[in-house]
Amino acid sequence: AIVEAEVELIDAGNPRPSVRQVAERA
């Protein structure tokens, strides 16, 4: 779920999502 969240944020146009953004997404 964490890796998926990272990939989804990058795919959405955020090339460097913060740890907080990844955690919230996951």
mmCIF file of all heavy atoms, coordinates in Angstrom:
data_MODEL
# 
_entry.id   MODEL 
# 
loop_
_atom_site.group_PDB 
_atom_site.id 
_atom_site.type_symbol 
_atom_site.label_atom_id 
_atom_site.label_alt_id 
_atom_site.label_comp_id 
_atom_site.label_asym_id 
_atom_site.label_entity_id 
_atom_site.label_seq_id 
_atom_site.pdbx_PDB_ins_code 
_atom_site.Cartn_x 
_atom_site.Cartn_y 
_atom_site.Cartn_z 
_atom_site.occupancy 
_atom_site.B_iso_or_equiv 
_atom_site.pdbx_formal_charge 
_atom_site.auth_seq_id 
_atom_site.auth_comp_id 
_atom_site.auth_asym_id 
_atom_site.auth_atom_id 
_atom_site.pdbx_PDB_model_num 
ATOM 1   N N   . ALA A 1 1  ? 0.833  -1.207 0.000   1.00 0.00 ? 1  ALA A N   1 
ATOM 2   C CA  . ALA A 1 1  ? 0.000  0.000  0.000   1.00 0.00 ? 1  ALA A CA  1 
ATOM 3   C C   . ALA A 1 1  ? 0.866  1.255  0.000   1.00 0.00 ? 1  ALA A C   1 
ATOM 4   O O   . ALA A 1 1  ? 0.536  2.251  -0.660  1.00 0.00 ? 1  ALA A O   1 
ATOM 5   C CB  . ALA A 1 1  ? -0.928 -0.005 1.219   1.00 0.00 ? 1  ALA A CB  1 
ATOM 6   N N   . ILE A 1 2  ? 1.968  1.223  0.709   1.00 0.00 ? 2  ILE A N   1 
ATOM 7   C CA  . ILE A 1 2  ? 2.868  2.375  0.763   1.00 0.00 ? 2  ILE A CA  1 
ATOM 8   C C   . ILE A 1 2  ? 3.495  2.615  -0.607  1.00 0.00 ? 2  ILE A C   1 
ATOM 9   O O   . ILE A 1 2  ? 3.521  3.742  -1.105  1.00 0.00 ? 2  ILE A O   1 
ATOM 10  C CB  . ILE A 1 2  ? 3.956  2.171  1.844   1.00 0.00 ? 2  ILE A CB  1 
ATOM 11  C CG1 . ILE A 1 2  ? 3.325  2.152  3.238   1.00 0.00 ? 2  ILE A CG1 1 
ATOM 12  C CG2 . ILE A 1 2  ? 5.024  3.254  1.746   1.00 0.00 ? 2  ILE A CG2 1 
ATOM 13  C CD1 . ILE A 1 2  ? 4.258  1.659  4.335   1.00 0.00 ? 2  ILE A CD1 1 
ATOM 14  N N   . VAL A 1 3  ? 3.992  1.559  -1.234  1.00 0.00 ? 3  VAL A N   1 
ATOM 15  C CA  . VAL A 1 3  ? 4.612  1.697  -2.553  1.00 0.00 ? 3  VAL A CA  1 
ATOM 16  C C   . VAL A 1 3  ? 3.575  2.157  -3.571  1.00 0.00 ? 3  VAL A C   1 
ATOM 17  O O   . VAL A 1 3  ? 3.837  3.044  -4.390  1.00 0.00 ? 3  VAL A O   1 
ATOM 18  C CB  . VAL A 1 3  ? 5.294  0.381  -2.995  1.00 0.00 ? 3  VAL A CB  1 
ATOM 19  C CG1 . VAL A 1 3  ? 5.783  0.476  -4.428  1.00 0.00 ? 3  VAL A CG1 1 
ATOM 20  C CG2 . VAL A 1 3  ? 6.444  0.043  -2.059  1.00 0.00 ? 3  VAL A CG2 1 
ATOM 21  N N   . GLU A 1 4  ? 2.379  1.579  -3.523  1.00 0.00 ? 4  GLU A N   1 
ATOM 22  C CA  . GLU A 1 4  ? 1.296  1.996  -4.426  1.00 0.00 ? 4  GLU A CA  1 
ATOM 23  C C   . GLU A 1 4  ? 0.972  3.475  -4.238  1.00 0.00 ? 4  GLU A C   1 
ATOM 24  O O   . GLU A 1 4  ? 0.762  4.198  -5.206  1.00 0.00 ? 4  GLU A O   1 
ATOM 25  C CB  . GLU A 1 4  ? 0.030  1.170  -4.180  1.00 0.00 ? 4  GLU A CB  1 
ATOM 26  C CG  . GLU A 1 4  ? 0.053  -0.190 -4.795  1.00 0.00 ? 4  GLU A CG  1 
ATOM 27  C CD  . GLU A 1 4  ? -0.110 -0.177 -6.305  1.00 0.00 ? 4  GLU A CD  1 
ATOM 28  O OE1 . GLU A 1 4  ? -0.635 0.806  -6.870  1.00 0.00 ? 4  GLU A OE1 1 
ATOM 29  O OE2 . GLU A 1 4  ? 0.303  -1.165 -6.923  1.00 0.00 ? 4  GLU A OE2 1 
ATOM 30  N N   . ALA A 1 5  ? 0.925  3.923  -3.004  1.00 0.00 ? 5  ALA A N   1 
ATOM 31  C CA  . ALA A 1 5  ? 0.640  5.332  -2.726  1.00 0.00 ? 5  ALA A CA  1 
ATOM 32  C C   . ALA A 1 5  ? 1.709  6.226  -3.323  1.00 0.00 ? 5  ALA A C   1 
ATOM 33  O O   . ALA A 1 5  ? 1.403  7.262  -3.931  1.00 0.00 ? 5  ALA A O   1 
ATOM 34  C CB  . ALA A 1 5  ? 0.521  5.561  -1.217  1.00 0.00 ? 5  ALA A CB  1 
ATOM 35  N N   . GLU A 1 6  ? 2.953  5.844  -3.182  1.00 0.00 ? 6  GLU A N   1 
ATOM 36  C CA  . GLU A 1 6  ? 4.069  6.609  -3.762  1.00 0.00 ? 6  GLU A CA  1 
ATOM 37  C C   . GLU A 1 6  ? 3.913  6.696  -5.281  1.00 0.00 ? 6  GLU A C   1 
ATOM 38  O O   . GLU A 1 6  ? 4.000  7.769  -5.865  1.00 0.00 ? 6  GLU A O   1 
ATOM 39  C CB  . GLU A 1 6  ? 5.406  5.943  -3.402  1.00 0.00 ? 6  GLU A CB  1 
ATOM 40  C CG  . GLU A 1 6  ? 6.603  6.549  -4.062  1.00 0.00 ? 6  GLU A CG  1 
ATOM 41  C CD  . GLU A 1 6  ? 7.197  7.727  -3.314  1.00 0.00 ? 6  GLU A CD  1 
ATOM 42  O OE1 . GLU A 1 6  ? 6.756  8.013  -2.181  1.00 0.00 ? 6  GLU A OE1 1 
ATOM 43  O OE2 . GLU A 1 6  ? 8.099  8.358  -3.862  1.00 0.00 ? 6  GLU A OE2 1 
ATOM 44  N N   . VAL A 1 7  ? 3.648  5.560  -5.921  1.00 0.00 ? 7  VAL A N   1 
ATOM 45  C CA  . VAL A 1 7  ? 3.498  5.516  -7.381  1.00 0.00 ? 7  VAL A CA  1 
ATOM 46  C C   . VAL A 1 7  ? 2.288  6.343  -7.828  1.00 0.00 ? 7  VAL A C   1 
ATOM 47  O O   . VAL A 1 7  ? 2.364  7.094  -8.803  1.00 0.00 ? 7  VAL A O   1 
ATOM 48  C CB  . VAL A 1 7  ? 3.393  4.053  -7.866  1.00 0.00 ? 7  VAL A CB  1 
ATOM 49  C CG1 . VAL A 1 7  ? 2.980  3.984  -9.329  1.00 0.00 ? 7  VAL A CG1 1 
ATOM 50  C CG2 . VAL A 1 7  ? 4.712  3.324  -7.654  1.00 0.00 ? 7  VAL A CG2 1 
ATOM 51  N N   . GLU A 1 8  ? 1.179  6.220  -7.120  1.00 0.00 ? 8  GLU A N   1 
ATOM 52  C CA  . GLU A 1 8  ? -0.022 6.978  -7.480  1.00 0.00 ? 8  GLU A CA  1 
ATOM 53  C C   . GLU A 1 8  ? 0.217  8.486  -7.397  1.00 0.00 ? 8  GLU A C   1 
ATOM 54  O O   . GLU A 1 8  ? -0.234 9.235  -8.268  1.00 0.00 ? 8  GLU A O   1 
ATOM 55  C CB  . GLU A 1 8  ? -1.188 6.586  -6.577  1.00 0.00 ? 8  GLU A CB  1 
ATOM 56  C CG  . GLU A 1 8  ? -1.736 5.204  -6.851  1.00 0.00 ? 8  GLU A CG  1 
ATOM 57  C CD  . GLU A 1 8  ? -2.721 4.742  -5.800  1.00 0.00 ? 8  GLU A CD  1 
ATOM 58  O OE1 . GLU A 1 8  ? -3.043 5.524  -4.866  1.00 0.00 ? 8  GLU A OE1 1 
ATOM 59  O OE2 . GLU A 1 8  ? -3.178 3.586  -5.897  1.00 0.00 ? 8  GLU A OE2 1 
ATOM 60  N N   . LEU A 1 9  ? 0.913  8.919  -6.361  1.00 0.00 ? 9  LEU A N   1 
ATOM 61  C CA  . LEU A 1 9  ? 1.198  10.346 -6.225  1.00 0.00 ? 9  LEU A CA  1 
ATOM 62  C C   . LEU A 1 9  ? 2.116  10.835 -7.340  1.00 0.00 ? 9  LEU A C   1 
ATOM 63  O O   . LEU A 1 9  ? 1.923  11.917 -7.886  1.00 0.00 ? 9  LEU A O   1 
ATOM 64  C CB  . LEU A 1 9  ? 1.811  10.635 -4.849  1.00 0.00 ? 9  LEU A CB  1 
ATOM 65  C CG  . LEU A 1 9  ? 0.824  10.546 -3.688  1.00 0.00 ? 9  LEU A CG  1 
ATOM 66  C CD1 . LEU A 1 9  ? 1.563  10.479 -2.357  1.00 0.00 ? 9  LEU A CD1 1 
ATOM 67  C CD2 . LEU A 1 9  ? -0.125 11.722 -3.713  1.00 0.00 ? 9  LEU A CD2 1 
ATOM 68  N N   . ILE A 1 10 ? 3.091  10.030 -7.694  1.00 0.00 ? 10 ILE A N   1 
ATOM 69  C CA  . ILE A 1 10 ? 3.988  10.396 -8.788  1.00 0.00 ? 10 ILE A CA  1 
ATOM 70  C C   . ILE A 1 10 ? 3.208  10.444 -10.102 1.00 0.00 ? 10 ILE A C   1 
ATOM 71  O O   . ILE A 1 10 ? 3.336  11.387 -10.881 1.00 0.00 ? 10 ILE A O   1 
ATOM 72  C CB  . ILE A 1 10 ? 5.179  9.423  -8.873  1.00 0.00 ? 10 ILE A CB  1 
ATOM 73  C CG1 . ILE A 1 10 ? 6.081  9.613  -7.656  1.00 0.00 ? 10 ILE A CG1 1 
ATOM 74  C CG2 . ILE A 1 10 ? 5.959  9.622  -10.172 1.00 0.00 ? 10 ILE A CG2 1 
ATOM 75  C CD1 . ILE A 1 10 ? 7.140  8.546  -7.485  1.00 0.00 ? 10 ILE A CD1 1 
ATOM 76  N N   . ASP A 1 11 ? 2.371  9.435  -10.342 1.00 0.00 ? 11 ASP A N   1 
ATOM 77  C CA  . ASP A 1 11 ? 1.557  9.398  -11.559 1.00 0.00 ? 11 ASP A CA  1 
ATOM 78  C C   . ASP A 1 11 ? 0.596  10.581 -11.631 1.00 0.00 ? 11 ASP A C   1 
ATOM 79  O O   . ASP A 1 11 ? 0.256  11.039 -12.721 1.00 0.00 ? 11 ASP A O   1 
ATOM 80  C CB  . ASP A 1 11 ? 0.755  8.100  -11.648 1.00 0.00 ? 11 ASP A CB  1 
ATOM 81  C CG  . ASP A 1 11 ? 1.609  6.904  -12.027 1.00 0.00 ? 11 ASP A CG  1 
ATOM 82  O OD1 . ASP A 1 11 ? 2.768  7.106  -12.455 1.00 0.00 ? 11 ASP A OD1 1 
ATOM 83  O OD2 . ASP A 1 11 ? 1.121  5.761  -11.893 1.00 0.00 ? 11 ASP A OD2 1 
ATOM 84  N N   . ALA A 1 12 ? 0.179  11.082 -10.477 1.00 0.00 ? 12 ALA A N   1 
ATOM 85  C CA  . ALA A 1 12 ? -0.745 12.220 -10.428 1.00 0.00 ? 12 ALA A CA  1 
ATOM 86  C C   . ALA A 1 12 ? -0.041 13.550 -10.661 1.00 0.00 ? 12 ALA A C   1 
ATOM 87  O O   . ALA A 1 12 ? -0.678 14.601 -10.656 1.00 0.00 ? 12 ALA A O   1 
ATOM 88  C CB  . ALA A 1 12 ? -1.484 12.234 -9.096  1.00 0.00 ? 12 ALA A CB  1 
ATOM 89  N N   . GLY A 1 13 ? 1.280  13.515 -10.841 1.00 0.00 ? 13 GLY A N   1 
ATOM 90  C CA  . GLY A 1 13 ? 2.005  14.740 -11.157 1.00 0.00 ? 13 GLY A CA  1 
ATOM 91  C C   . GLY A 1 13 ? 2.876  15.291 -10.047 1.00 0.00 ? 13 GLY A C   1 
ATOM 92  O O   . GLY A 1 13 ? 3.433  16.373 -10.171 1.00 0.00 ? 13 GLY A O   1 
ATOM 93  N N   . ASN A 1 14 ? 3.012  14.566 -8.950  1.00 0.00 ? 14 ASN A N   1 
ATOM 94  C CA  . ASN A 1 14 ? 3.863  15.000 -7.848  1.00 0.00 ? 14 ASN A CA  1 
ATOM 95  C C   . ASN A 1 14 ? 5.164  14.186 -7.895  1.00 0.00 ? 14 ASN A C   1 
ATOM 96  O O   . ASN A 1 14 ? 5.214  13.075 -7.382  1.00 0.00 ? 14 ASN A O   1 
ATOM 97  C CB  . ASN A 1 14 ? 3.145  14.787 -6.514  1.00 0.00 ? 14 ASN A CB  1 
ATOM 98  C CG  . ASN A 1 14 ? 3.927  15.320 -5.346  1.00 0.00 ? 14 ASN A CG  1 
ATOM 99  O OD1 . ASN A 1 14 ? 5.078  15.694 -5.472  1.00 0.00 ? 14 ASN A OD1 1 
ATOM 100 N ND2 . ASN A 1 14 ? 3.300  15.339 -4.185  1.00 0.00 ? 14 ASN A ND2 1 
ATOM 101 N N   . PRO A 1 15 ? 6.220  14.715 -8.516  1.00 0.00 ? 15 PRO A N   1 
ATOM 102 C CA  . PRO A 1 15 ? 7.431  13.916 -8.695  1.00 0.00 ? 15 PRO A CA  1 
ATOM 103 C C   . PRO A 1 15 ? 8.174  13.568 -7.407  1.00 0.00 ? 15 PRO A C   1 
ATOM 104 O O   . PRO A 1 15 ? 8.942  12.616 -7.380  1.00 0.00 ? 15 PRO A O   1 
ATOM 105 C CB  . PRO A 1 15 ? 8.305  14.783 -9.607  1.00 0.00 ? 15 PRO A CB  1 
ATOM 106 C CG  . PRO A 1 15 ? 7.820  16.171 -9.401  1.00 0.00 ? 15 PRO A CG  1 
ATOM 107 C CD  . PRO A 1 15 ? 6.347  16.061 -9.070  1.00 0.00 ? 15 PRO A CD  1 
ATOM 108 N N   . ARG A 1 16 ? 7.950  14.329 -6.350  1.00 0.00 ? 16 ARG A N   1 
ATOM 109 C CA  . ARG A 1 16 ? 8.612  14.067 -5.067  1.00 0.00 ? 16 ARG A CA  1 
ATOM 110 C C   . ARG A 1 16 ? 7.621  14.204 -3.921  1.00 0.00 ? 16 ARG A C   1 
ATOM 111 O O   . ARG A 1 16 ? 7.666  15.176 -3.157  1.00 0.00 ? 16 ARG A O   1 
ATOM 112 C CB  . ARG A 1 16 ? 9.762  15.032 -4.864  1.00 0.00 ? 16 ARG A CB  1 
ATOM 113 C CG  . ARG A 1 16 ? 10.902 14.766 -5.787  1.00 0.00 ? 16 ARG A CG  1 
ATOM 114 C CD  . ARG A 1 16 ? 12.048 15.643 -5.444  1.00 0.00 ? 16 ARG A CD  1 
ATOM 115 N NE  . ARG A 1 16 ? 13.209 15.172 -6.170  1.00 0.00 ? 16 ARG A NE  1 
ATOM 116 C CZ  . ARG A 1 16 ? 14.383 15.690 -6.056  1.00 0.00 ? 16 ARG A CZ  1 
ATOM 117 N NH1 . ARG A 1 16 ? 14.575 16.692 -5.239  1.00 0.00 ? 16 ARG A NH1 1 
ATOM 118 N NH2 . ARG A 1 16 ? 15.383 15.216 -6.748  1.00 0.00 ? 16 ARG A NH2 1 
ATOM 119 N N   . PRO A 1 17 ? 6.720  13.237 -3.779  1.00 0.00 ? 17 PRO A N   1 
ATOM 120 C CA  . PRO A 1 17 ? 5.750  13.347 -2.687  1.00 0.00 ? 17 PRO A CA  1 
ATOM 121 C C   . PRO A 1 17 ? 6.445  13.264 -1.328  1.00 0.00 ? 17 PRO A C   1 
ATOM 122 O O   . PRO A 1 17 ? 7.442  12.560 -1.174  1.00 0.00 ? 17 PRO A O   1 
ATOM 123 C CB  . PRO A 1 17 ? 4.816  12.168 -2.903  1.00 0.00 ? 17 PRO A CB  1 
ATOM 124 C CG  . PRO A 1 17 ? 5.533  11.239 -3.808  1.00 0.00 ? 17 PRO A CG  1 
ATOM 125 C CD  . PRO A 1 17 ? 6.548  12.034 -4.561  1.00 0.00 ? 17 PRO A CD  1 
ATOM 126 N N   . SER A 1 18 ? 5.921  14.011 -0.376  1.00 0.00 ? 18 SER A N   1 
ATOM 127 C CA  . SER A 1 18 ? 6.483  13.970 0.975   1.00 0.00 ? 18 SER A CA  1 
ATOM 128 C C   . SER A 1 18 ? 6.061  12.677 1.663   1.00 0.00 ? 18 SER A C   1 
ATOM 129 O O   . SER A 1 18 ? 5.108  12.012 1.257   1.00 0.00 ? 18 SER A O   1 
ATOM 130 C CB  . SER A 1 18 ? 5.992  15.169 1.789   1.00 0.00 ? 18 SER A CB  1 
ATOM 131 O OG  . SER A 1 18 ? 4.605  15.038 2.059   1.00 0.00 ? 18 SER A OG  1 
ATOM 132 N N   . VAL A 1 19 ? 6.776  12.348 2.711   1.00 0.00 ? 19 VAL A N   1 
ATOM 133 C CA  . VAL A 1 19 ? 6.446  11.152 3.487   1.00 0.00 ? 19 VAL A CA  1 
ATOM 134 C C   . VAL A 1 19 ? 5.033  11.285 4.049   1.00 0.00 ? 19 VAL A C   1 
ATOM 135 O O   . VAL A 1 19 ? 4.269  10.318 4.058   1.00 0.00 ? 19 VAL A O   1 
ATOM 136 C CB  . VAL A 1 19 ? 7.476  10.937 4.617   1.00 0.00 ? 19 VAL A CB  1 
ATOM 137 C CG1 . VAL A 1 19 ? 7.089  9.764  5.496   1.00 0.00 ? 19 VAL A CG1 1 
ATOM 138 C CG2 . VAL A 1 19 ? 8.856  10.722 4.034   1.00 0.00 ? 19 VAL A CG2 1 
ATOM 139 N N   . ARG A 1 20 ? 4.675  12.470 4.478   1.00 0.00 ? 20 ARG A N   1 
ATOM 140 C CA  . ARG A 1 20 ? 3.328  12.697 5.012   1.00 0.00 ? 20 ARG A CA  1 
ATOM 141 C C   . ARG A 1 20 ? 2.263  12.453 3.950   1.00 0.00 ? 20 ARG A C   1 
ATOM 142 O O   . ARG A 1 20 ? 1.240  11.833 4.212   1.00 0.00 ? 20 ARG A O   1 
ATOM 143 C CB  . ARG A 1 20 ? 3.207  14.115 5.579   1.00 0.00 ? 20 ARG A CB  1 
ATOM 144 C CG  . ARG A 1 20 ? 1.869  14.380 6.233   1.00 0.00 ? 20 ARG A CG  1 
ATOM 145 C CD  . ARG A 1 20 ? 1.811  15.710 6.959   1.00 0.00 ? 20 ARG A CD  1 
ATOM 146 N NE  . ARG A 1 20 ? 2.882  15.929 7.907   1.00 0.00 ? 20 ARG A NE  1 
ATOM 147 C CZ  . ARG A 1 20 ? 2.984  15.368 9.118   1.00 0.00 ? 20 ARG A CZ  1 
ATOM 148 N NH1 . ARG A 1 20 ? 2.057  14.530 9.517   1.00 0.00 ? 20 ARG A NH1 1 
ATOM 149 N NH2 . ARG A 1 20 ? 3.989  15.633 9.907   1.00 0.00 ? 20 ARG A NH2 1 
ATOM 150 N N   . GLN A 1 21 ? 2.503  12.922 2.721   1.00 0.00 ? 21 GLN A N   1 
ATOM 151 C CA  . GLN A 1 21 ? 1.538  12.708 1.640   1.00 0.00 ? 21 GLN A CA  1 
ATOM 152 C C   . GLN A 1 21 ? 1.384  11.217 1.326   1.00 0.00 ? 21 GLN A C   1 
ATOM 153 O O   . GLN A 1 21 ? 0.267  10.740 1.125   1.00 0.00 ? 21 GLN A O   1 
ATOM 154 C CB  . GLN A 1 21 ? 1.989  13.456 0.377   1.00 0.00 ? 21 GLN A CB  1 
ATOM 155 C CG  . GLN A 1 21 ? 1.878  14.955 0.485   1.00 0.00 ? 21 GLN A CG  1 
ATOM 156 C CD  . GLN A 1 21 ? 2.562  15.657 -0.684  1.00 0.00 ? 21 GLN A CD  1 
ATOM 157 O OE1 . GLN A 1 21 ? 3.625  15.240 -1.141  1.00 0.00 ? 21 GLN A OE1 1 
ATOM 158 N NE2 . GLN A 1 21 ? 1.937  16.729 -1.144  1.00 0.00 ? 21 GLN A NE2 1 
ATOM 159 N N   . VAL A 1 22 ? 2.493  10.510 1.304   1.00 0.00 ? 22 VAL A N   1 
ATOM 160 C CA  . VAL A 1 22 ? 2.439  9.069  1.037   1.00 0.00 ? 22 VAL A CA  1 
ATOM 161 C C   . VAL A 1 22 ? 1.673  8.358  2.154   1.00 0.00 ? 22 VAL A C   1 
ATOM 162 O O   . VAL A 1 22 ? 0.817  7.511  1.891   1.00 0.00 ? 22 VAL A O   1 
ATOM 163 C CB  . VAL A 1 22 ? 3.863  8.478  0.883   1.00 0.00 ? 22 VAL A CB  1 
ATOM 164 C CG1 . VAL A 1 22 ? 3.816  6.961  0.763   1.00 0.00 ? 22 VAL A CG1 1 
ATOM 165 C CG2 . VAL A 1 22 ? 4.567  9.093  -0.316  1.00 0.00 ? 22 VAL A CG2 1 
ATOM 166 N N   . ALA A 1 23 ? 1.972  8.722  3.389   1.00 0.00 ? 23 ALA A N   1 
ATOM 167 C CA  . ALA A 1 23 ? 1.295  8.097  4.526   1.00 0.00 ? 23 ALA A CA  1 
ATOM 168 C C   . ALA A 1 23 ? -0.205 8.364  4.478   1.00 0.00 ? 23 ALA A C   1 
ATOM 169 O O   . ALA A 1 23 ? -1.013 7.445  4.689   1.00 0.00 ? 23 ALA A O   1 
ATOM 170 C CB  . ALA A 1 23 ? 1.888  8.611  5.836   1.00 0.00 ? 23 ALA A CB  1 
ATOM 171 N N   . GLU A 1 24 ? -0.593 9.599  4.192   1.00 0.00 ? 24 GLU A N   1 
ATOM 172 C CA  . GLU A 1 24 ? -2.018 9.924  4.104   1.00 0.00 ? 24 GLU A CA  1 
ATOM 173 C C   . GLU A 1 24 ? -2.686 9.129  2.994   1.00 0.00 ? 24 GLU A C   1 
ATOM 174 O O   . GLU A 1 24 ? -3.776 8.602  3.176   1.00 0.00 ? 24 GLU A O   1 
ATOM 175 C CB  . GLU A 1 24 ? -2.201 11.424 3.861   1.00 0.00 ? 24 GLU A CB  1 
ATOM 176 C CG  . GLU A 1 24 ? -1.915 12.269 5.076   1.00 0.00 ? 24 GLU A CG  1 
ATOM 177 C CD  . GLU A 1 24 ? -1.946 13.763 4.787   1.00 0.00 ? 24 GLU A CD  1 
ATOM 178 O OE1 . GLU A 1 24 ? -2.283 14.166 3.651   1.00 0.00 ? 24 GLU A OE1 1 
ATOM 179 O OE2 . GLU A 1 24 ? -1.615 14.527 5.717   1.00 0.00 ? 24 GLU A OE2 1 
ATOM 180 N N   . ARG A 1 25 ? -2.030 9.027  1.856   1.00 0.00 ? 25 ARG A N   1 
ATOM 181 C CA  . ARG A 1 25 ? -2.595 8.298  0.714   1.00 0.00 ? 25 ARG A CA  1 
ATOM 182 C C   . ARG A 1 25 ? -2.745 6.816  1.036   1.00 0.00 ? 25 ARG A C   1 
ATOM 183 O O   . ARG A 1 25 ? -3.708 6.179  0.636   1.00 0.00 ? 25 ARG A O   1 
ATOM 184 C CB  . ARG A 1 25 ? -1.697 8.505  -0.505  1.00 0.00 ? 25 ARG A CB  1 
ATOM 185 C CG  . ARG A 1 25 ? -2.156 7.849  -1.767  1.00 0.00 ? 25 ARG A CG  1 
ATOM 186 C CD  . ARG A 1 25 ? -3.301 8.658  -2.362  1.00 0.00 ? 25 ARG A CD  1 
ATOM 187 N NE  . ARG A 1 25 ? -3.571 8.267  -3.708  1.00 0.00 ? 25 ARG A NE  1 
ATOM 188 C CZ  . ARG A 1 25 ? -3.622 9.092  -4.726  1.00 0.00 ? 25 ARG A CZ  1 
ATOM 189 N NH1 . ARG A 1 25 ? -3.441 10.375 -4.555  1.00 0.00 ? 25 ARG A NH1 1 
ATOM 190 N NH2 . ARG A 1 25 ? -3.911 8.652  -5.911  1.00 0.00 ? 25 ARG A NH2 1 
ATOM 191 N N   . ALA A 1 26 ? -1.778 6.260  1.775   1.00 0.00 ? 26 ALA A N   1 
ATOM 192 C CA  . ALA A 1 26 ? -1.812 4.840  2.122   1.00 0.00 ? 26 ALA A CA  1 
ATOM 193 C C   . ALA A 1 26 ? -2.698 4.549  3.332   1.00 0.00 ? 26 ALA A C   1 
ATOM 194 O O   . ALA A 1 26 ? -2.993 3.392  3.616   1.00 0.00 ? 26 ALA A O   1 
ATOM 195 C CB  . ALA A 1 26 ? -0.396 4.335  2.390   1.00 0.00 ? 26 ALA A CB  1 
# 
